[in-house]
Amino acid sequence: QEWPVAPTVSPRMIEIYQQGIAQGHDPTHFSKIGDCQNVASYFLSTFDTPGDYSLGDQYAYLQNTITYFSGSWSRLSLSVGPGMNIASVLSPIWADPNQCQAGETPLACEFRVNKPSIAIISMETWWGEQPAKIYELYMRQLVENVLAQNVVPILATKADNMEGDNSINAAIA
């Protein structure tokens, strides 16, 4: 399967980004939405520690982007946690009671606290025997929720193929 790693940004996503900025979203903030594979100690956090990574000549042009989003790379997201899955980020039961308001979902809490302009959605394994169609329904709901907040979603595919037919990555794409 060949999918673009970085597709062209559509005019609609530019519009959503601009609307978010006009609403007070921080253009230098992104949020991570995900499961235990996305906790700060594993996912992207090294980019907040100069000297812990090397871009080499080929990717040196990315340093400006890394600097621009400084602080977001290692930030502890309120919509990431052990045991979380595509459904739990939409459930108030999973929200941090110390930082989230009553009835607030982890996603809503994260957006209220961080005010991101972009959200990286990276949901790994779909545990259980639920069909990929259920995963797709939750993913659709999550993406629609992100878009409704005027935050640009970036979807990451998952590394495994535990379902055996790549149906979850197909749903993400």
N, C-alpha and C. Protein backbone atom coordinates (compact mmCIF):
# COMPACT_ATOMS: atom_id res chain seq x y z
N GLN A 1 0.83 -1.17 0.00
CA GLN A 1 0.00 0.00 0.00
C GLN A 1 0.88 1.23 0.00
N GLU A 2 0.57 2.12 -0.86
CA GLU A 2 1.34 3.35 -0.99
C GLU A 2 0.44 4.55 -0.72
N TRP A 3 0.63 5.17 0.42
CA TRP A 3 -0.09 6.38 0.77
C TRP A 3 0.92 7.49 0.97
N PRO A 4 0.55 8.71 0.65
CA PRO A 4 1.50 9.81 0.84
C PRO A 4 1.82 10.00 2.32
N VAL A 5 3.08 10.21 2.63
CA VAL A 5 3.49 10.45 4.01
C VAL A 5 3.01 11.83 4.45
N ALA A 6 3.16 12.79 3.60
CA ALA A 6 2.72 14.15 3.90
C ALA A 6 1.90 14.66 2.72
N PRO A 7 0.58 14.43 2.76
CA PRO A 7 -0.25 14.87 1.64
C PRO A 7 -0.29 16.40 1.56
N THR A 8 -0.70 16.88 0.44
CA THR A 8 -0.86 18.32 0.23
C THR A 8 -1.92 18.86 1.20
N VAL A 9 -1.65 19.99 1.80
CA VAL A 9 -2.61 20.61 2.71
C VAL A 9 -3.73 21.23 1.88
N SER A 10 -4.94 20.83 2.16
CA SER A 10 -6.09 21.30 1.38
C SER A 10 -6.47 22.72 1.78
N PRO A 11 -7.15 23.43 0.88
CA PRO A 11 -7.65 24.76 1.24
C PRO A 11 -8.57 24.72 2.46
N ARG A 12 -9.34 23.64 2.63
CA ARG A 12 -10.23 23.52 3.78
C ARG A 12 -9.44 23.44 5.09
N MET A 13 -8.32 22.72 5.09
CA MET A 13 -7.51 22.62 6.31
C MET A 13 -6.85 23.96 6.64
N ILE A 14 -6.47 24.70 5.61
CA ILE A 14 -5.92 26.04 5.83
C ILE A 14 -6.98 26.94 6.47
N GLU A 15 -8.20 26.83 5.98
CA GLU A 15 -9.32 27.61 6.52
C GLU A 15 -9.58 27.23 7.99
N ILE A 16 -9.59 25.94 8.28
CA ILE A 16 -9.80 25.48 9.66
C ILE A 16 -8.69 26.00 10.57
N TYR A 17 -7.45 25.92 10.10
CA TYR A 17 -6.31 26.43 10.87
C TYR A 17 -6.49 27.92 11.16
N GLN A 18 -6.83 28.69 10.15
CA GLN A 18 -6.99 30.14 10.31
C GLN A 18 -8.14 30.47 11.26
N GLN A 19 -9.23 29.71 11.16
CA GLN A 19 -10.36 29.93 12.07
C GLN A 19 -9.96 29.61 13.51
N GLY A 20 -9.18 28.56 13.68
CA GLY A 20 -8.70 28.21 15.02
C GLY A 20 -7.83 29.30 15.62
N ILE A 21 -6.93 29.84 14.81
CA ILE A 21 -6.06 30.92 15.29
C ILE A 21 -6.91 32.13 15.67
N ALA A 22 -7.92 32.44 14.86
CA ALA A 22 -8.81 33.57 15.15
C ALA A 22 -9.58 33.34 16.46
N GLN A 23 -9.83 32.09 16.81
CA GLN A 23 -10.53 31.73 18.05
C GLN A 23 -9.62 31.75 19.26
N GLY A 24 -8.33 31.90 19.05
CA GLY A 24 -7.40 31.93 20.17
C GLY A 24 -6.53 30.70 20.32
N HIS A 25 -6.59 29.79 19.35
CA HIS A 25 -5.69 28.64 19.39
C HIS A 25 -4.26 29.13 19.18
N ASP A 26 -3.33 28.48 19.82
CA ASP A 26 -1.92 28.88 19.73
C ASP A 26 -1.28 28.23 18.51
N PRO A 27 -0.77 29.02 17.57
CA PRO A 27 -0.17 28.43 16.37
C PRO A 27 1.09 27.63 16.65
N THR A 28 1.68 27.80 17.84
CA THR A 28 2.91 27.06 18.17
C THR A 28 2.64 25.81 19.02
N HIS A 29 1.36 25.51 19.24
CA HIS A 29 1.00 24.34 20.04
C HIS A 29 0.37 23.26 19.17
N PHE A 30 0.79 22.03 19.39
CA PHE A 30 0.03 20.89 18.88
C PHE A 30 -0.26 19.98 20.05
N SER A 31 -1.31 19.19 19.91
CA SER A 31 -1.67 18.21 20.92
C SER A 31 -1.53 16.82 20.36
N LYS A 32 -1.21 15.88 21.23
CA LYS A 32 -1.16 14.47 20.86
C LYS A 32 -2.42 13.81 21.41
N ILE A 33 -3.03 12.98 20.59
CA ILE A 33 -4.19 12.21 21.00
C ILE A 33 -3.84 10.76 20.74
N GLY A 34 -3.81 9.95 21.80
CA GLY A 34 -3.40 8.58 21.56
C GLY A 34 -3.39 7.70 22.79
N ASP A 35 -2.83 6.53 22.58
CA ASP A 35 -2.75 5.52 23.63
C ASP A 35 -1.37 5.53 24.26
N CYS A 36 -1.02 4.45 24.91
CA CYS A 36 0.26 4.40 25.65
C CYS A 36 1.48 4.51 24.74
N GLN A 37 1.34 4.28 23.45
CA GLN A 37 2.46 4.42 22.53
C GLN A 37 2.82 5.89 22.31
N ASN A 38 1.99 6.79 22.78
CA ASN A 38 2.17 8.21 22.53
C ASN A 38 2.51 9.03 23.76
N VAL A 39 2.82 8.35 24.86
CA VAL A 39 3.22 9.09 26.05
C VAL A 39 4.51 9.85 25.76
N ALA A 40 4.70 10.92 26.48
CA ALA A 40 5.82 11.84 26.19
C ALA A 40 7.18 11.16 26.19
N SER A 41 7.36 10.14 27.01
CA SER A 41 8.68 9.51 27.06
C SER A 41 9.00 8.69 25.82
N TYR A 42 8.00 8.39 25.00
CA TYR A 42 8.23 7.58 23.79
C TYR A 42 8.04 8.34 22.49
N PHE A 43 7.05 9.19 22.43
CA PHE A 43 6.58 9.73 21.16
C PHE A 43 6.99 11.19 20.96
N LEU A 44 7.97 11.43 20.16
CA LEU A 44 8.40 12.76 19.71
C LEU A 44 9.12 13.62 20.75
N SER A 45 9.14 13.21 22.00
CA SER A 45 9.64 14.10 23.06
C SER A 45 11.10 14.49 22.90
N THR A 46 11.88 13.68 22.25
CA THR A 46 13.31 13.98 22.10
C THR A 46 13.56 15.30 21.38
N PHE A 47 12.59 15.75 20.58
CA PHE A 47 12.78 17.00 19.84
C PHE A 47 12.77 18.23 20.73
N ASP A 48 12.37 18.08 21.99
CA ASP A 48 12.45 19.20 22.93
C ASP A 48 13.78 19.23 23.68
N THR A 49 14.68 18.32 23.35
CA THR A 49 15.98 18.27 24.02
C THR A 49 17.09 18.35 22.98
N PRO A 50 17.54 19.57 22.66
CA PRO A 50 18.64 19.70 21.69
C PRO A 50 19.83 18.85 22.12
N GLY A 51 20.44 18.21 21.17
CA GLY A 51 21.56 17.33 21.46
C GLY A 51 21.15 15.87 21.60
N ASP A 52 19.86 15.63 21.81
CA ASP A 52 19.37 14.25 21.91
C ASP A 52 18.99 13.67 20.55
N TYR A 53 19.04 14.49 19.53
CA TYR A 53 18.69 14.01 18.19
C TYR A 53 19.62 14.65 17.17
N SER A 54 19.71 14.03 16.03
CA SER A 54 20.51 14.56 14.93
C SER A 54 19.69 14.44 13.65
N LEU A 55 19.45 15.55 13.01
CA LEU A 55 18.68 15.55 11.77
C LEU A 55 19.54 15.22 10.56
N GLY A 56 20.84 15.40 10.70
CA GLY A 56 21.72 15.20 9.55
C GLY A 56 21.48 16.27 8.51
N ASP A 57 22.26 16.26 7.47
CA ASP A 57 22.12 17.27 6.42
C ASP A 57 20.81 17.13 5.67
N GLN A 58 20.38 15.90 5.47
CA GLN A 58 19.18 15.64 4.67
C GLN A 58 17.92 16.25 5.29
N TYR A 59 17.83 16.26 6.62
CA TYR A 59 16.62 16.74 7.29
C TYR A 59 16.85 18.00 8.11
N ALA A 60 17.97 18.66 7.93
CA ALA A 60 18.29 19.86 8.70
C ALA A 60 17.24 20.96 8.52
N TYR A 61 16.58 20.97 7.39
CA TYR A 61 15.55 21.98 7.12
C TYR A 61 14.37 21.87 8.10
N LEU A 62 14.23 20.74 8.77
CA LEU A 62 13.13 20.55 9.73
C LEU A 62 13.38 21.23 11.08
N GLN A 63 14.60 21.71 11.32
CA GLN A 63 14.92 22.31 12.61
C GLN A 63 14.03 23.51 12.92
N ASN A 64 13.72 24.33 11.92
CA ASN A 64 12.85 25.48 12.16
C ASN A 64 11.48 25.04 12.66
N THR A 65 10.96 23.95 12.11
CA THR A 65 9.67 23.43 12.55
C THR A 65 9.77 22.90 13.98
N ILE A 66 10.83 22.19 14.28
CA ILE A 66 11.04 21.66 15.63
C ILE A 66 11.10 22.81 16.63
N THR A 67 11.82 23.86 16.30
CA THR A 67 11.94 25.02 17.17
C THR A 67 10.60 25.73 17.32
N TYR A 68 9.86 25.86 16.23
CA TYR A 68 8.57 26.54 16.25
C TYR A 68 7.60 25.89 17.23
N PHE A 69 7.60 24.57 17.26
CA PHE A 69 6.68 23.83 18.14
C PHE A 69 7.33 23.43 19.47
N SER A 70 8.40 24.09 19.84
CA SER A 70 9.11 23.80 21.09
C SER A 70 8.12 23.77 22.26
N GLY A 71 8.25 22.76 23.08
CA GLY A 71 7.36 22.60 24.22
C GLY A 71 6.24 21.61 23.96
N SER A 72 5.79 21.52 22.72
CA SER A 72 4.73 20.57 22.39
C SER A 72 5.24 19.14 22.29
N TRP A 73 6.50 19.00 21.90
CA TRP A 73 7.06 17.66 21.67
C TRP A 73 7.03 16.79 22.92
N SER A 74 7.38 17.35 24.05
CA SER A 74 7.48 16.55 25.28
C SER A 74 6.34 16.82 26.26
N ARG A 75 5.40 17.63 25.87
CA ARG A 75 4.29 17.97 26.76
C ARG A 75 3.45 16.73 27.08
N LEU A 76 3.02 16.64 28.33
CA LEU A 76 2.15 15.54 28.76
C LEU A 76 0.72 15.87 28.36
N SER A 77 0.23 15.20 27.35
CA SER A 77 -1.11 15.45 26.83
C SER A 77 -2.17 14.85 27.74
N LEU A 78 -3.26 15.55 27.91
CA LEU A 78 -4.38 15.05 28.69
C LEU A 78 -5.24 14.09 27.89
N SER A 79 -4.92 13.91 26.61
CA SER A 79 -5.66 12.97 25.77
C SER A 79 -4.77 11.81 25.32
N VAL A 80 -3.78 11.49 26.14
CA VAL A 80 -2.89 10.34 25.93
C VAL A 80 -2.75 9.63 27.26
N GLY A 81 -2.79 8.31 27.21
CA GLY A 81 -2.57 7.59 28.46
C GLY A 81 -2.57 6.09 28.30
N PRO A 82 -1.98 5.41 29.26
CA PRO A 82 -1.97 3.94 29.23
C PRO A 82 -3.40 3.40 29.23
N GLY A 83 -3.64 2.45 28.39
CA GLY A 83 -4.96 1.83 28.30
C GLY A 83 -5.96 2.58 27.46
N MET A 84 -5.62 3.79 27.05
CA MET A 84 -6.56 4.55 26.23
C MET A 84 -6.65 3.94 24.84
N ASN A 85 -7.81 4.15 24.23
CA ASN A 85 -7.99 3.73 22.85
C ASN A 85 -8.85 4.76 22.14
N ILE A 86 -9.22 4.46 20.94
CA ILE A 86 -9.96 5.41 20.10
C ILE A 86 -11.28 5.84 20.75
N ALA A 87 -11.89 4.97 21.55
CA ALA A 87 -13.15 5.30 22.21
C ALA A 87 -12.94 6.09 23.50
N SER A 88 -11.90 5.78 24.25
CA SER A 88 -11.74 6.38 25.58
C SER A 88 -11.44 7.87 25.55
N VAL A 89 -10.81 8.37 24.50
CA VAL A 89 -10.53 9.82 24.46
C VAL A 89 -11.81 10.63 24.32
N LEU A 90 -12.90 9.95 23.99
CA LEU A 90 -14.20 10.61 23.85
C LEU A 90 -15.10 10.37 25.06
N SER A 91 -14.56 9.75 26.12
CA SER A 91 -15.35 9.39 27.29
C SER A 91 -14.89 10.17 28.52
N PRO A 92 -15.80 10.88 29.19
CA PRO A 92 -15.44 11.63 30.39
C PRO A 92 -14.87 10.74 31.51
N ILE A 93 -15.17 9.46 31.48
CA ILE A 93 -14.67 8.54 32.50
C ILE A 93 -13.14 8.53 32.52
N TRP A 94 -12.51 8.77 31.36
CA TRP A 94 -11.06 8.71 31.22
C TRP A 94 -10.37 10.06 31.49
N ALA A 95 -11.13 11.09 31.75
CA ALA A 95 -10.55 12.42 31.95
C ALA A 95 -9.84 12.52 33.31
N ASP A 96 -8.76 13.28 33.35
CA ASP A 96 -8.00 13.50 34.58
C ASP A 96 -8.82 14.40 35.51
N PRO A 97 -9.27 13.87 36.65
CA PRO A 97 -10.13 14.66 37.53
C PRO A 97 -9.42 15.86 38.15
N ASN A 98 -8.09 15.87 38.14
CA ASN A 98 -7.34 16.99 38.70
C ASN A 98 -7.21 18.16 37.75
N GLN A 99 -7.38 17.92 36.44
CA GLN A 99 -7.20 18.99 35.47
C GLN A 99 -8.41 19.24 34.59
N CYS A 100 -9.32 18.29 34.56
CA CYS A 100 -10.47 18.39 33.66
C CYS A 100 -11.73 18.74 34.44
N GLN A 101 -12.63 19.41 33.76
CA GLN A 101 -13.89 19.80 34.37
C GLN A 101 -14.85 18.61 34.37
N ALA A 102 -15.81 18.64 35.27
CA ALA A 102 -16.80 17.57 35.37
C ALA A 102 -17.49 17.37 34.02
N GLY A 103 -17.56 16.13 33.57
CA GLY A 103 -18.23 15.80 32.31
C GLY A 103 -17.39 16.04 31.08
N GLU A 104 -16.19 16.54 31.24
CA GLU A 104 -15.32 16.85 30.11
C GLU A 104 -14.58 15.59 29.65
N THR A 105 -14.48 15.41 28.35
CA THR A 105 -13.72 14.27 27.81
C THR A 105 -12.23 14.60 27.84
N PRO A 106 -11.38 13.58 27.77
CA PRO A 106 -9.94 13.87 27.69
C PRO A 106 -9.61 14.78 26.51
N LEU A 107 -10.28 14.59 25.38
CA LEU A 107 -10.03 15.42 24.21
C LEU A 107 -10.42 16.88 24.47
N ALA A 108 -11.62 17.10 24.98
CA ALA A 108 -12.08 18.46 25.27
C ALA A 108 -11.19 19.13 26.31
N CYS A 109 -10.78 18.38 27.31
CA CYS A 109 -9.90 18.91 28.35
C CYS A 109 -8.56 19.32 27.77
N GLU A 110 -7.98 18.46 26.96
CA GLU A 110 -6.69 18.75 26.32
C GLU A 110 -6.78 20.02 25.48
N PHE A 111 -7.83 20.15 24.69
CA PHE A 111 -7.97 21.33 23.83
C PHE A 111 -8.19 22.59 24.66
N ARG A 112 -8.95 22.50 25.74
CA ARG A 112 -9.18 23.67 26.59
C ARG A 112 -7.88 24.13 27.25
N VAL A 113 -7.10 23.19 27.74
CA VAL A 113 -5.87 23.52 28.46
C VAL A 113 -4.75 23.94 27.52
N ASN A 114 -4.57 23.23 26.42
CA ASN A 114 -3.42 23.46 25.53
C ASN A 114 -3.68 24.44 24.39
N LYS A 115 -4.92 24.57 23.98
CA LYS A 115 -5.31 25.45 22.87
C LYS A 115 -4.47 25.20 21.60
N PRO A 116 -4.45 23.95 21.13
CA PRO A 116 -3.61 23.62 19.97
C PRO A 116 -4.21 24.09 18.65
N SER A 117 -3.36 24.29 17.68
CA SER A 117 -3.82 24.56 16.32
C SER A 117 -3.85 23.27 15.50
N ILE A 118 -3.09 22.27 15.96
CA ILE A 118 -2.95 20.99 15.27
C ILE A 118 -3.06 19.87 16.30
N ALA A 119 -3.64 18.74 15.89
CA ALA A 119 -3.70 17.55 16.75
C ALA A 119 -3.16 16.36 15.98
N ILE A 120 -2.20 15.68 16.58
CA ILE A 120 -1.67 14.45 16.01
C ILE A 120 -2.43 13.29 16.64
N ILE A 121 -3.17 12.58 15.81
CA ILE A 121 -3.97 11.44 16.27
C ILE A 121 -3.23 10.17 15.92
N SER A 122 -2.82 9.46 16.94
CA SER A 122 -2.07 8.22 16.74
C SER A 122 -2.61 7.15 17.68
N MET A 123 -3.55 6.40 17.19
CA MET A 123 -4.16 5.32 17.96
C MET A 123 -3.64 4.00 17.43
N GLU A 124 -2.91 3.31 18.24
CA GLU A 124 -2.27 2.06 17.82
C GLU A 124 -3.28 0.91 17.78
N THR A 125 -3.00 -0.12 18.48
CA THR A 125 -3.76 -1.35 18.39
C THR A 125 -5.20 -1.18 18.86
N TRP A 126 -6.10 -1.81 18.15
CA TRP A 126 -7.52 -1.88 18.48
C TRP A 126 -7.72 -3.19 19.21
N TRP A 127 -7.69 -3.12 20.55
CA TRP A 127 -7.78 -4.33 21.36
C TRP A 127 -9.18 -4.90 21.33
N GLY A 128 -9.26 -6.20 21.47
CA GLY A 128 -10.55 -6.88 21.48
C GLY A 128 -10.88 -7.41 20.10
N GLU A 129 -12.05 -7.94 20.00
CA GLU A 129 -12.45 -8.56 18.74
C GLU A 129 -13.48 -7.73 18.00
N GLN A 130 -13.56 -6.47 18.31
CA GLN A 130 -14.47 -5.59 17.60
C GLN A 130 -13.99 -5.44 16.16
N PRO A 131 -14.91 -5.41 15.21
CA PRO A 131 -14.48 -5.24 13.82
C PRO A 131 -13.90 -3.84 13.57
N ALA A 132 -13.10 -3.76 12.53
CA ALA A 132 -12.48 -2.48 12.16
C ALA A 132 -13.53 -1.41 11.87
N LYS A 133 -14.72 -1.81 11.49
CA LYS A 133 -15.79 -0.83 11.22
C LYS A 133 -16.11 -0.02 12.48
N ILE A 134 -16.04 -0.66 13.64
CA ILE A 134 -16.29 0.05 14.90
C ILE A 134 -15.17 1.07 15.15
N TYR A 135 -13.93 0.65 14.92
CA TYR A 135 -12.79 1.55 15.03
C TYR A 135 -13.00 2.75 14.10
N GLU A 136 -13.41 2.47 12.88
CA GLU A 136 -13.63 3.54 11.90
C GLU A 136 -14.70 4.51 12.37
N LEU A 137 -15.77 4.02 12.98
CA LEU A 137 -16.82 4.90 13.49
C LEU A 137 -16.28 5.84 14.57
N TYR A 138 -15.50 5.28 15.49
CA TYR A 138 -14.90 6.12 16.54
C TYR A 138 -13.89 7.11 15.95
N MET A 139 -13.10 6.66 14.98
CA MET A 139 -12.13 7.56 14.35
C MET A 139 -12.84 8.72 13.66
N ARG A 140 -13.92 8.40 12.97
CA ARG A 140 -14.70 9.44 12.30
C ARG A 140 -15.23 10.45 13.32
N GLN A 141 -15.78 9.92 14.41
CA GLN A 141 -16.31 10.78 15.47
C GLN A 141 -15.20 11.65 16.06
N LEU A 142 -14.05 11.07 16.28
CA LEU A 142 -12.91 11.82 16.83
C LEU A 142 -12.47 12.92 15.87
N VAL A 143 -12.30 12.59 14.61
CA VAL A 143 -11.86 13.58 13.61
C VAL A 143 -12.90 14.69 13.47
N GLU A 144 -14.18 14.34 13.43
CA GLU A 144 -15.23 15.35 13.33
C GLU A 144 -15.21 16.28 14.54
N ASN A 145 -14.96 15.72 15.71
CA ASN A 145 -14.87 16.51 16.93
C ASN A 145 -13.68 17.47 16.87
N VAL A 146 -12.54 16.99 16.41
CA VAL A 146 -11.35 17.82 16.27
C VAL A 146 -11.62 18.96 15.28
N LEU A 147 -12.19 18.62 14.14
CA LEU A 147 -12.49 19.64 13.13
C LEU A 147 -13.50 20.67 13.64
N ALA A 148 -14.49 20.22 14.40
CA ALA A 148 -15.50 21.13 14.95
C ALA A 148 -14.88 22.15 15.89
N GLN A 149 -13.72 21.84 16.46
CA GLN A 149 -13.01 22.77 17.35
C GLN A 149 -12.03 23.65 16.57
N ASN A 150 -12.05 23.53 15.24
CA ASN A 150 -11.12 24.27 14.37
C ASN A 150 -9.66 23.96 14.69
N VAL A 151 -9.41 22.68 14.88
CA VAL A 151 -8.06 22.16 15.07
C VAL A 151 -7.78 21.24 13.88
N VAL A 152 -6.61 21.35 13.29
CA VAL A 152 -6.26 20.53 12.12
C VAL A 152 -5.78 19.16 12.59
N PRO A 153 -6.47 18.09 12.16
CA PRO A 153 -6.04 16.75 12.56
C PRO A 153 -4.97 16.19 11.62
N ILE A 154 -3.97 15.55 12.21
CA ILE A 154 -2.98 14.80 11.45
C ILE A 154 -3.12 13.36 11.93
N LEU A 155 -3.47 12.47 11.03
CA LEU A 155 -3.69 11.07 11.39
C LEU A 155 -2.47 10.24 11.08
N ALA A 156 -2.06 9.45 12.06
CA ALA A 156 -0.94 8.53 11.88
C ALA A 156 -1.49 7.12 11.78
N THR A 157 -0.96 6.35 10.85
CA THR A 157 -1.35 4.95 10.77
C THR A 157 -0.63 4.19 11.88
N LYS A 158 -1.06 2.96 12.11
CA LYS A 158 -0.44 2.17 13.17
C LYS A 158 0.58 1.20 12.59
N ALA A 159 1.51 0.81 13.42
CA ALA A 159 2.63 -0.01 12.95
C ALA A 159 2.26 -1.48 12.79
N ASP A 160 1.37 -1.97 13.64
CA ASP A 160 1.07 -3.41 13.58
C ASP A 160 -0.08 -3.71 12.60
N ASN A 161 -0.33 -4.97 12.41
CA ASN A 161 -1.45 -5.44 11.60
C ASN A 161 -2.09 -6.61 12.34
N MET A 162 -2.42 -6.39 13.61
CA MET A 162 -2.97 -7.46 14.42
C MET A 162 -4.30 -7.98 13.89
N GLU A 163 -5.01 -7.13 13.17
CA GLU A 163 -6.29 -7.56 12.61
C GLU A 163 -6.11 -8.45 11.38
N GLY A 164 -4.91 -8.45 10.81
CA GLY A 164 -4.57 -9.37 9.73
C GLY A 164 -4.84 -8.91 8.32
N ASP A 165 -5.64 -7.87 8.16
CA ASP A 165 -5.99 -7.44 6.80
C ASP A 165 -5.75 -5.95 6.56
N ASN A 166 -5.04 -5.31 7.47
CA ASN A 166 -4.76 -3.87 7.40
C ASN A 166 -6.01 -3.01 7.34
N SER A 167 -7.13 -3.53 7.81
CA SER A 167 -8.38 -2.79 7.72
C SER A 167 -8.40 -1.54 8.59
N ILE A 168 -7.66 -1.56 9.69
CA ILE A 168 -7.64 -0.37 10.54
C ILE A 168 -6.83 0.74 9.89
N ASN A 169 -5.69 0.43 9.32
CA ASN A 169 -4.94 1.46 8.59
C ASN A 169 -5.73 1.97 7.39
N ALA A 170 -6.48 1.09 6.75
CA ALA A 170 -7.34 1.53 5.64
C ALA A 170 -8.40 2.50 6.16
N ALA A 171 -8.95 2.24 7.34
CA ALA A 171 -9.94 3.13 7.92
C ALA A 171 -9.33 4.48 8.28
N ILE A 172 -8.09 4.46 8.76
CA ILE A 172 -7.40 5.70 9.11
C ILE A 172 -7.12 6.54 7.86
N ALA A 173 -6.71 5.88 6.81
CA ALA A 173 -6.36 6.57 5.56
C ALA A 173 -7.61 7.11 4.90
